Amino acid sequence: MRSKVQTITPTKATEWLEANTTNRPVSRTVVRAFAEAMKRGEWIVTHQGIAFDVSGVLIDGQHRLAAVVDADIPVAMTVFTDVDDGTFDVLDTGKRRNAADVLAIEGEKSATMLAAMVRTVWLFDNRPDLNWSGGAAAVTNHQIVQTLEDHPKLRDFVAVGEQIAGATGMIKSAAGAASYLVEHTNRRADLDPWYEGIIDGAGLKKNDPRLLFRRVMFAMARKQAGQVMRRRDTREHVALYIKAFNAWAVGEELTQLRFTTRETMPPVTKMR
């Protein structure tokens, strides 16, 4: 087996894909994610690349090649040739590293929770008005790491998210991410009354946004418990949190608090 780093052009990728006779069906979601990473300049050379067997048949790398074609830019990759025929049977049988794995390797605490919070912040910043679930909403490990570098104080909100979730039934990562987004916009404001209200709820008057937020979260948690097949929606929880905060921030009373998938994500209000 031989290997060499080569710059693969869209034309060359198309040519090599014609030698694809043994690979699994192409996942357009994977191809799209790879292509977007290439166009953003995030693609780097690793030991994972393109592989041909001793007969010149492509046995690994079809998604990477298809992504080069979609991105329509040349990309450097490691190319393996003369790979033993039996190698194909063990390709991609290992566990793929997810974002939590990457953060744990980097020494981050509460890596699973933190990764979910970082993903939520990335989606809020980059696709606030689109679906946050499914393959189309995939966030790459590189984007997770880069977002955490851009928002290092997210680490401080893991415990906040867990506390709010325990008090209201909100999704933990959504609670942590939403709290960070609120504080990121209001860095000098005193938000202790906001947190005290949504966590404790004592002494709140009727139509107080904090009280209504608690009631809505409790109701959603009870509904979830009775309908275990219904997936809880992070985007919905974040939007409800921000809507309630925005009303509280300007002293507005609320009689209802709801969010539909067709609505746009509300921006966080900056307190005066």
C-alpha atoms as a PDB file:
ATOM      1  CA  MET A   1       0.000   0.000   0.000  1.00  0.00           C
ATOM      2  CA  ARG A   2       1.267   3.449  -0.949  1.00  0.00           C
ATOM      3  CA  SER A   3       0.032   6.901   0.052  1.00  0.00           C
ATOM      4  CA  LYS A   4       0.571  10.463  -1.121  1.00  0.00           C
ATOM      5  CA  VAL A   5      -1.108  13.794  -0.479  1.00  0.00           C
ATOM      6  CA  GLN A   6      -2.616  15.063  -3.714  1.00  0.00           C
ATOM      7  CA  THR A   7      -4.679  18.086  -4.713  1.00  0.00           C
ATOM      8  CA  ILE A   8      -7.878  16.700  -6.168  1.00  0.00           C
ATOM      9  CA  THR A   9      -9.717  18.883  -8.659  1.00  0.00           C
ATOM     10  CA  PRO A  10     -13.458  18.579  -9.368  1.00  0.00           C
ATOM     11  CA  THR A  11     -12.571  17.082 -12.774  1.00  0.00           C
ATOM     12  CA  LYS A  12     -10.296  14.469 -11.205  1.00  0.00           C
ATOM     13  CA  ALA A  13     -12.893  13.683  -8.532  1.00  0.00           C
ATOM     14  CA  THR A  14     -15.505  13.073 -11.220  1.00  0.00           C
ATOM     15  CA  GLU A  15     -13.125  10.779 -13.068  1.00  0.00           C
ATOM     16  CA  TRP A  16     -12.335   8.786  -9.951  1.00  0.00           C
ATOM     17  CA  LEU A  17     -15.980   8.443  -8.994  1.00  0.00           C
ATOM     18  CA  GLU A  18     -16.493   6.575 -12.251  1.00  0.00           C
ATOM     19  CA  ALA A  19     -14.316   3.855 -10.710  1.00  0.00           C
ATOM     20  CA  ASN A  20     -16.738   3.543  -7.799  1.00  0.00           C
ATOM     21  CA  THR A  21     -18.144   0.014  -8.048  1.00  0.00           C
ATOM     22  CA  THR A  22     -18.014  -1.304  -4.494  1.00  0.00           C
ATOM     23  CA  ASN A  23     -19.030   1.536  -2.153  1.00  0.00           C
ATOM     24  CA  ARG A  24     -22.275   1.960  -0.250  1.00  0.00           C
ATOM     25  CA  PRO A  25     -25.035   4.315  -1.531  1.00  0.00           C
ATOM     26  CA  VAL A  26     -24.148   8.003  -1.376  1.00  0.00           C
ATOM     27  CA  SER A  27     -25.604  10.075   1.454  1.00  0.00           C
ATOM     28  CA  ARG A  28     -26.375  13.533   0.102  1.00  0.00           C
ATOM     29  CA  THR A  29     -26.446  14.889   3.653  1.00  0.00           C
ATOM     30  CA  VAL A  30     -22.863  13.762   4.252  1.00  0.00           C
ATOM     31  CA  VAL A  31     -21.735  15.092   0.866  1.00  0.00           C
ATOM     32  CA  ARG A  32     -23.360  18.462   1.538  1.00  0.00           C
ATOM     33  CA  ALA A  33     -21.720  18.732   4.970  1.00  0.00           C
ATOM     34  CA  PHE A  34     -18.290  17.866   3.540  1.00  0.00           C
ATOM     35  CA  ALA A  35     -18.722  20.318   0.656  1.00  0.00           C
ATOM     36  CA  GLU A  36     -19.740  23.153   2.961  1.00  0.00           C
ATOM     37  CA  ALA A  37     -16.672  22.507   5.126  1.00  0.00           C
ATOM     38  CA  MET A  38     -14.476  22.600   2.036  1.00  0.00           C
ATOM     39  CA  LYS A  39     -15.956  25.900   0.865  1.00  0.00           C
ATOM     40  CA  ARG A  40     -15.457  27.405   4.317  1.00  0.00           C
ATOM     41  CA  GLY A  41     -11.791  26.386   4.221  1.00  0.00           C
ATOM     42  CA  GLU A  42     -12.195  24.003   7.164  1.00  0.00           C
ATOM     43  CA  TRP A  43     -11.101  20.865   5.326  1.00  0.00           C
ATOM     44  CA  ILE A  44      -7.680  19.632   6.434  1.00  0.00           C
ATOM     45  CA  VAL A  45      -5.479  16.737   5.343  1.00  0.00           C
ATOM     46  CA  THR A  46      -5.688  13.697   7.613  1.00  0.00           C
ATOM     47  CA  HIS A  47      -4.992   9.973   7.349  1.00  0.00           C
ATOM     48  CA  GLN A  48      -8.566   9.568   6.086  1.00  0.00           C
ATOM     49  CA  GLY A  49      -8.771  10.124   2.365  1.00  0.00           C
ATOM     50  CA  ILE A  50      -9.239   8.261  -0.889  1.00  0.00           C
ATOM     51  CA  ALA A  51      -8.323   4.594  -1.389  1.00  0.00           C
ATOM     52  CA  PHE A  52      -8.020   2.349  -4.469  1.00  0.00           C
ATOM     53  CA  ASP A  53      -7.427  -1.370  -4.448  1.00  0.00           C
ATOM     54  CA  VAL A  54      -4.747  -3.189  -6.416  1.00  0.00           C
ATOM     55  CA  SER A  55      -7.044  -3.198  -9.454  1.00  0.00           C
ATOM     56  CA  GLY A  56      -7.592   0.563  -9.343  1.00  0.00           C
ATOM     57  CA  VAL A  57     -11.163   0.297  -8.012  1.00  0.00           C
ATOM     58  CA  LEU A  58     -12.272   3.006  -5.592  1.00  0.00           C
ATOM     59  CA  ILE A  59     -12.950   1.382  -2.217  1.00  0.00           C
ATOM     60  CA  ASP A  60     -13.093   4.396   0.087  1.00  0.00           C
ATOM     61  CA  GLY A  61     -13.699   8.130  -0.238  1.00  0.00           C
ATOM     62  CA  GLN A  62     -16.740   8.449  -2.484  1.00  0.00           C
ATOM     63  CA  HIS A  63     -18.375  11.024  -0.204  1.00  0.00           C
ATOM     64  CA  ARG A  64     -15.194  13.114  -0.115  1.00  0.00           C
ATOM     65  CA  LEU A  65     -14.889  13.001  -3.891  1.00  0.00           C
ATOM     66  CA  ALA A  66     -18.551  13.859  -4.400  1.00  0.00           C
ATOM     67  CA  ALA A  67     -18.070  16.793  -2.010  1.00  0.00           C
ATOM     68  CA  VAL A  68     -15.151  18.085  -4.110  1.00  0.00           C
ATOM     69  CA  VAL A  69     -17.445  18.023  -7.139  1.00  0.00           C
ATOM     70  CA  ASP A  70     -20.234  19.819  -5.236  1.00  0.00           C
ATOM     71  CA  ALA A  71     -17.884  22.417  -3.743  1.00  0.00           C
ATOM     72  CA  ASP A  72     -16.291  22.913  -7.169  1.00  0.00           C
ATOM     73  CA  ILE A  73     -12.875  23.679  -5.690  1.00  0.00           C
ATOM     74  CA  PRO A  74      -9.612  21.691  -5.567  1.00  0.00           C
ATOM     75  CA  VAL A  75      -8.961  20.005  -2.206  1.00  0.00           C
ATOM     76  CA  ALA A  76      -5.834  18.304  -0.843  1.00  0.00           C
ATOM     77  CA  MET A  77      -6.350  14.751   0.447  1.00  0.00           C
ATOM     78  CA  THR A  78      -4.333  11.665   1.240  1.00  0.00           C
ATOM     79  CA  VAL A  79      -4.647   9.140  -1.593  1.00  0.00           C
ATOM     80  CA  PHE A  80      -3.913   5.457  -0.970  1.00  0.00           C
ATOM     81  CA  THR A  81      -3.224   3.038  -3.808  1.00  0.00           C
ATOM     82  CA  ASP A  82      -2.624  -0.712  -4.047  1.00  0.00           C
ATOM     83  CA  VAL A  83      -4.770  -1.327  -0.961  1.00  0.00           C
ATOM     84  CA  ASP A  84      -5.388  -5.007  -0.229  1.00  0.00           C
ATOM     85  CA  ASP A  85      -8.776  -6.256  -1.427  1.00  0.00           C
ATOM     86  CA  GLY A  86      -9.769  -7.407   2.077  1.00  0.00           C
ATOM     87  CA  THR A  87      -9.438  -3.910   3.525  1.00  0.00           C
ATOM     88  CA  PHE A  88     -12.891  -2.848   2.333  1.00  0.00           C
ATOM     89  CA  ASP A  89     -14.589  -5.156   4.852  1.00  0.00           C
ATOM     90  CA  VAL A  90     -13.211  -3.242   7.826  1.00  0.00           C
ATOM     91  CA  LEU A  91     -13.535   0.325   6.551  1.00  0.00           C
ATOM     92  CA  ASP A  92     -15.699   2.668   8.666  1.00  0.00           C
ATOM     93  CA  THR A  93     -16.461  -0.016  11.263  1.00  0.00           C
ATOM     94  CA  GLY A  94     -15.069   2.045  14.128  1.00  0.00           C
ATOM     95  CA  LYS A  95     -17.036   4.595  16.161  1.00  0.00           C
ATOM     96  CA  ARG A  96     -17.006   8.029  14.568  1.00  0.00           C
ATOM     97  CA  ARG A  97     -15.996  10.793  16.998  1.00  0.00           C
ATOM     98  CA  ASN A  98     -18.834  13.134  17.789  1.00  0.00           C
ATOM     99  CA  ALA A  99     -18.508  16.655  19.158  1.00  0.00           C
ATOM    100  CA  ALA A 100     -18.645  15.478  22.765  1.00  0.00           C
ATOM    101  CA  ASP A 101     -15.804  13.029  22.087  1.00  0.00           C
ATOM    102  CA  VAL A 102     -13.694  15.822  20.609  1.00  0.00           C
ATOM    103  CA  LEU A 103     -14.309  18.156  23.561  1.00  0.00           C
ATOM    104  CA  ALA A 104     -13.606  15.359  26.054  1.00  0.00           C
ATOM    105  CA  ILE A 105     -10.294  14.638  24.332  1.00  0.00           C
ATOM    106  CA  GLU A 106      -9.511  18.357  24.643  1.00  0.00           C
ATOM    107  CA  GLY A 107     -10.023  18.020  28.401  1.00  0.00           C
ATOM    108  CA  GLU A 108     -13.392  19.775  28.648  1.00  0.00           C
ATOM    109  CA  LYS A 109     -15.640  18.922  31.592  1.00  0.00           C
ATOM    110  CA  SER A 110     -19.290  17.944  31.051  1.00  0.00           C
ATOM    111  CA  ALA A 111     -18.390  17.442  27.392  1.00  0.00           C
ATOM    112  CA  THR A 112     -21.771  16.084  26.274  1.00  0.00           C
ATOM    113  CA  MET A 113     -23.748  18.950  27.792  1.00  0.00           C
ATOM    114  CA  LEU A 114     -21.220  21.536  26.642  1.00  0.00           C
ATOM    115  CA  ALA A 115     -21.196  20.209  23.075  1.00  0.00           C
ATOM    116  CA  ALA A 116     -24.996  20.436  22.911  1.00  0.00           C
ATOM    117  CA  MET A 117     -24.908  24.012  24.228  1.00  0.00           C
ATOM    118  CA  VAL A 118     -22.233  25.051  21.728  1.00  0.00           C
ATOM    119  CA  ARG A 119     -24.226  23.465  18.909  1.00  0.00           C
ATOM    120  CA  THR A 120     -27.297  25.455  19.991  1.00  0.00           C
ATOM    121  CA  VAL A 121     -25.362  28.728  19.982  1.00  0.00           C
ATOM    122  CA  TRP A 122     -23.960  27.959  16.521  1.00  0.00           C
ATOM    123  CA  LEU A 123     -27.464  27.229  15.195  1.00  0.00           C
ATOM    124  CA  PHE A 124     -28.826  30.416  16.807  1.00  0.00           C
ATOM    125  CA  ASP A 125     -26.107  32.455  15.104  1.00  0.00           C
ATOM    126  CA  ASN A 126     -26.133  30.708  11.720  1.00  0.00           C
ATOM    127  CA  ARG A 127     -29.584  29.236  11.035  1.00  0.00           C
ATOM    128  CA  PRO A 128     -31.993  30.695  13.596  1.00  0.00           C
ATOM    129  CA  ASP A 129     -35.084  30.365  11.423  1.00  0.00           C
ATOM    130  CA  LEU A 130     -34.537  26.849  10.083  1.00  0.00           C
ATOM    131  CA  ASN A 131     -35.097  23.416  11.591  1.00  0.00           C
ATOM    132  CA  TRP A 132     -32.510  22.546  14.256  1.00  0.00           C
ATOM    133  CA  SER A 133     -32.911  18.775  13.984  1.00  0.00           C
ATOM    134  CA  GLY A 134     -32.064  16.221  11.317  1.00  0.00           C
ATOM    135  CA  GLY A 135     -29.136  15.856   8.978  1.00  0.00           C
ATOM    136  CA  ALA A 136     -29.586  19.267   7.380  1.00  0.00           C
ATOM    137  CA  ALA A 137     -28.892  20.863  10.776  1.00  0.00           C
ATOM    138  CA  ALA A 138     -25.644  18.999  11.323  1.00  0.00           C
ATOM    139  CA  VAL A 139     -22.861  21.030  12.928  1.00  0.00           C
ATOM    140  CA  THR A 140     -19.338  19.804  12.294  1.00  0.00           C
ATOM    141  CA  ASN A 141     -16.822  19.070  15.028  1.00  0.00           C
ATOM    142  CA  HIS A 142     -14.655  21.849  13.647  1.00  0.00           C
ATOM    143  CA  GLN A 143     -17.534  24.312  13.974  1.00  0.00           C
ATOM    144  CA  ILE A 144     -18.135  23.165  17.551  1.00  0.00           C
ATOM    145  CA  VAL A 145     -14.495  23.701  18.503  1.00  0.00           C
ATOM    146  CA  GLN A 146     -14.324  27.061  16.732  1.00  0.00           C
ATOM    147  CA  THR A 147     -17.564  28.273  18.317  1.00  0.00           C
ATOM    148  CA  LEU A 148     -16.307  27.362  21.782  1.00  0.00           C
ATOM    149  CA  GLU A 149     -13.121  29.300  21.063  1.00  0.00           C
ATOM    150  CA  ASP A 150     -15.268  32.290  20.066  1.00  0.00           C
ATOM    151  CA  HIS A 151     -17.534  31.905  23.118  1.00  0.00           C
ATOM    152  CA  PRO A 152     -15.289  30.587  25.924  1.00  0.00           C
ATOM    153  CA  LYS A 153     -17.669  31.718  28.676  1.00  0.00           C
ATOM    154  CA  LEU A 154     -20.189  29.112  27.513  1.00  0.00           C
ATOM    155  CA  ARG A 155     -18.397  26.754  29.894  1.00  0.00           C
ATOM    156  CA  ASP A 156     -19.708  28.804  32.818  1.00  0.00           C
ATOM    157  CA  PHE A 157     -23.318  28.125  31.850  1.00  0.00           C
ATOM    158  CA  VAL A 158     -23.334  24.332  32.104  1.00  0.00           C
ATOM    159  CA  ALA A 159     -24.342  24.505  35.773  1.00  0.00           C
ATOM    160  CA  VAL A 160     -26.827  27.304  35.031  1.00  0.00           C
ATOM    161  CA  GLY A 161     -28.535  25.172  32.415  1.00  0.00           C
ATOM    162  CA  GLU A 162     -28.756  22.204  34.748  1.00  0.00           C
ATOM    163  CA  GLN A 163     -30.235  24.344  37.529  1.00  0.00           C
ATOM    164  CA  ILE A 164     -32.877  25.934  35.291  1.00  0.00           C
ATOM    165  CA  ALA A 165     -33.758  22.572  33.758  1.00  0.00           C
ATOM    166  CA  GLY A 166     -34.183  21.046  37.197  1.00  0.00           C
ATOM    167  CA  ALA A 167     -36.476  23.880  38.257  1.00  0.00           C
ATOM    168  CA  THR A 168     -38.602  24.161  35.114  1.00  0.00           C
ATOM    169  CA  GLY A 169     -38.299  21.005  33.023  1.00  0.00           C
ATOM    170  CA  MET A 170     -36.559  22.887  30.208  1.00  0.00           C
ATOM    171  CA  ILE A 171     -34.029  21.037  28.039  1.00  0.00           C
ATOM    172  CA  LYS A 172     -30.707  21.374  29.875  1.00  0.00           C
ATOM    173  CA  SER A 173     -28.574  22.392  26.913  1.00  0.00           C
ATOM    174  CA  ALA A 174     -31.244  24.824  25.693  1.00  0.00           C
ATOM    175  CA  ALA A 175     -31.403  26.420  29.137  1.00  0.00           C
ATOM    176  CA  GLY A 176     -27.639  26.807  29.315  1.00  0.00           C
ATOM    177  CA  ALA A 177     -27.302  28.151  25.786  1.00  0.00           C
ATOM    178  CA  ALA A 178     -30.257  30.554  26.101  1.00  0.00           C
ATOM    179  CA  SER A 179     -28.921  31.911  29.397  1.00  0.00           C
ATOM    180  CA  TYR A 180     -25.543  32.474  27.788  1.00  0.00           C
ATOM    181  CA  LEU A 181     -27.104  34.274  24.820  1.00  0.00           C
ATOM    182  CA  VAL A 182     -29.051  36.549  27.169  1.00  0.00           C
ATOM    183  CA  GLU A 183     -25.983  37.389  29.260  1.00  0.00           C
ATOM    184  CA  HIS A 184     -23.781  37.763  26.188  1.00  0.00           C
ATOM    185  CA  THR A 185     -26.105  40.539  24.986  1.00  0.00           C
ATOM    186  CA  ASN A 186     -26.517  42.063  28.462  1.00  0.00           C
ATOM    187  CA  ARG A 187     -23.036  41.815  29.904  1.00  0.00           C
ATOM    188  CA  ARG A 188     -23.384  44.673  32.389  1.00  0.00           C
ATOM    189  CA  ALA A 189     -26.982  44.129  33.443  1.00  0.00           C
ATOM    190  CA  ASP A 190     -28.078  42.659  36.770  1.00  0.00           C
ATOM    191  CA  LEU A 191     -29.830  39.453  35.760  1.00  0.00           C
ATOM    192  CA  ASP A 192     -30.101  37.922  39.215  1.00  0.00           C
ATOM    193  CA  PRO A 193     -33.835  38.809  39.466  1.00  0.00           C
ATOM    194  CA  TRP A 194     -34.449  37.035  36.165  1.00  0.00           C
ATOM    195  CA  TYR A 195     -32.771  33.848  37.330  1.00  0.00           C
ATOM    196  CA  GLU A 196     -34.346  33.978  40.781  1.00  0.00           C
ATOM    197  CA  GLY A 197     -37.768  34.317  39.220  1.00  0.00           C
ATOM    198  CA  ILE A 198     -37.558  31.463  36.715  1.00  0.00           C
ATOM    199  CA  ILE A 199     -35.771  29.113  39.122  1.00  0.00           C
ATOM    200  CA  ASP A 200     -37.704  29.795  42.336  1.00  0.00           C
ATOM    201  CA  GLY A 201     -40.905  31.476  41.190  1.00  0.00           C
ATOM    202  CA  ALA A 202     -41.804  32.656  44.682  1.00  0.00           C
ATOM    203  CA  GLY A 203     -43.826  35.847  45.006  1.00  0.00           C
ATOM    204  CA  LEU A 204     -44.291  36.430  41.288  1.00  0.00           C
ATOM    205  CA  LYS A 205     -47.451  38.266  40.284  1.00  0.00           C
ATOM    206  CA  LYS A 206     -49.929  37.176  37.653  1.00  0.00           C
ATOM    207  CA  ASN A 207     -48.735  37.866  34.081  1.00  0.00           C
ATOM    208  CA  ASP A 208     -45.106  38.142  35.176  1.00  0.00           C
ATOM    209  CA  PRO A 209     -43.115  36.732  32.197  1.00  0.00           C
ATOM    210  CA  ARG A 210     -40.996  34.657  34.572  1.00  0.00           C
ATOM    211  CA  LEU A 211     -44.045  32.993  36.092  1.00  0.00           C
ATOM    212  CA  LEU A 212     -45.620  32.332  32.695  1.00  0.00           C
ATOM    213  CA  PHE A 213     -42.352  30.880  31.431  1.00  0.00           C
ATOM    214  CA  ARG A 214     -42.253  28.454  34.361  1.00  0.00           C
ATOM    215  CA  ARG A 215     -45.859  27.399  33.779  1.00  0.00           C
ATOM    216  CA  VAL A 216     -45.315  26.830  30.062  1.00  0.00           C
ATOM    217  CA  MET A 217     -42.198  24.778  30.701  1.00  0.00           C
ATOM    218  CA  PHE A 218     -43.958  22.702  33.358  1.00  0.00           C
ATOM    219  CA  ALA A 219     -46.865  22.076  30.996  1.00  0.00           C
ATOM    220  CA  MET A 220     -44.549  21.012  28.184  1.00  0.00           C
ATOM    221  CA  ALA A 221     -42.669  18.679  30.521  1.00  0.00           C
ATOM    222  CA  ARG A 222     -45.919  17.024  31.643  1.00  0.00           C
ATOM    223  CA  LYS A 223     -47.041  16.658  28.030  1.00  0.00           C
ATOM    224  CA  GLN A 224     -43.705  15.120  27.149  1.00  0.00           C
ATOM    225  CA  ALA A 225     -44.032  12.623  29.992  1.00  0.00           C
ATOM    226  CA  GLY A 226     -47.410  11.537  28.667  1.00  0.00           C
ATOM    227  CA  GLN A 227     -46.285  11.366  25.026  1.00  0.00           C
ATOM    228  CA  VAL A 228     -42.838   9.811  25.086  1.00  0.00           C
ATOM    229  CA  MET A 229     -42.676   9.656  21.296  1.00  0.00           C
ATOM    230  CA  ARG A 230     -42.811  13.451  20.927  1.00  0.00           C
ATOM    231  CA  ARG A 231     -39.338  14.903  20.462  1.00  0.00           C
ATOM    232  CA  ARG A 232     -38.586  17.948  22.573  1.00  0.00           C
ATOM    233  CA  ASP A 233     -37.539  20.863  20.398  1.00  0.00           C
ATOM    234  CA  THR A 234     -34.427  22.814  21.423  1.00  0.00           C
ATOM    235  CA  ARG A 235     -35.260  25.685  19.077  1.00  0.00           C
ATOM    236  CA  GLU A 236     -38.726  26.030  20.617  1.00  0.00           C
ATOM    237  CA  HIS A 237     -37.345  26.064  24.161  1.00  0.00           C
ATOM    238  CA  VAL A 238     -34.708  28.675  23.315  1.00  0.00           C
ATOM    239  CA  ALA A 239     -37.288  30.879  21.608  1.00  0.00           C
ATOM    240  CA  LEU A 240     -39.704  30.668  24.560  1.00  0.00           C
ATOM    241  CA  TYR A 241     -36.898  31.529  26.968  1.00  0.00           C
ATOM    242  CA  ILE A 242     -35.880  34.567  24.917  1.00  0.00           C
ATOM    243  CA  LYS A 243     -39.476  35.721  24.431  1.00  0.00           C
ATOM    244  CA  ALA A 244     -40.074  35.610  28.181  1.00  0.00           C
ATOM    245  CA  PHE A 245     -36.779  37.341  28.921  1.00  0.00           C
ATOM    246  CA  ASN A 246     -37.439  40.089  26.373  1.00  0.00           C
ATOM    247  CA  ALA A 247     -40.809  40.874  27.953  1.00  0.00           C
ATOM    248  CA  TRP A 248     -39.291  40.917  31.456  1.00  0.00           C
ATOM    249  CA  ALA A 249     -36.386  43.083  30.317  1.00  0.00           C
ATOM    250  CA  VAL A 250     -38.721  45.878  29.217  1.00  0.00           C
ATOM    251  CA  GLY A 251     -41.223  45.476  32.054  1.00  0.00           C
ATOM    252  CA  GLU A 252     -43.976  44.020  29.882  1.00  0.00           C
ATOM    253  CA  GLU A 253     -46.617  41.673  31.250  1.00  0.00           C
ATOM    254  CA  LEU A 254     -47.497  38.496  29.340  1.00  0.00           C
ATOM    255  CA  THR A 255     -50.792  36.691  29.135  1.00  0.00           C
ATOM    256  CA  GLN A 256     -49.572  33.999  26.769  1.00  0.00           C
ATOM    257  CA  LEU A 257     -46.255  32.510  25.720  1.00  0.00           C
ATOM    258  CA  ARG A 258     -45.985  30.333  22.659  1.00  0.00           C
ATOM    259  CA  PHE A 259     -43.747  29.700  19.660  1.00  0.00           C
ATOM    260  CA  THR A 260     -44.465  27.895  16.408  1.00  0.00           C
ATOM    261  CA  THR A 261     -42.023  26.411  13.922  1.00  0.00           C
ATOM    262  CA  ARG A 262     -43.064  29.019  11.356  1.00  0.00           C
ATOM    263  CA  GLU A 263     -42.017  31.938  13.543  1.00  0.00           C
ATOM    264  CA  THR A 264     -38.641  33.619  13.292  1.00  0.00           C
ATOM    265  CA  MET A 265     -36.256  33.326  16.201  1.00  0.00           C
ATOM    266  CA  PRO A 266     -36.549  36.454  18.357  1.00  0.00           C
ATOM    267  CA  PRO A 267     -33.338  38.400  18.956  1.00  0.00           C
ATOM    268  CA  VAL A 268     -32.311  38.995  22.560  1.00  0.00           C
ATOM    269  CA  THR A 269     -33.348  42.392  23.913  1.00  0.00           C
ATOM    270  CA  LYS A 270     -30.555  44.561  25.239  1.00  0.00           C
ATOM    271  CA  MET A 271     -31.532  46.106  28.556  1.00  0.00           C
ATOM    272  CA  ARG A 272     -31.041  49.824  29.063  1.00  0.00           C
END
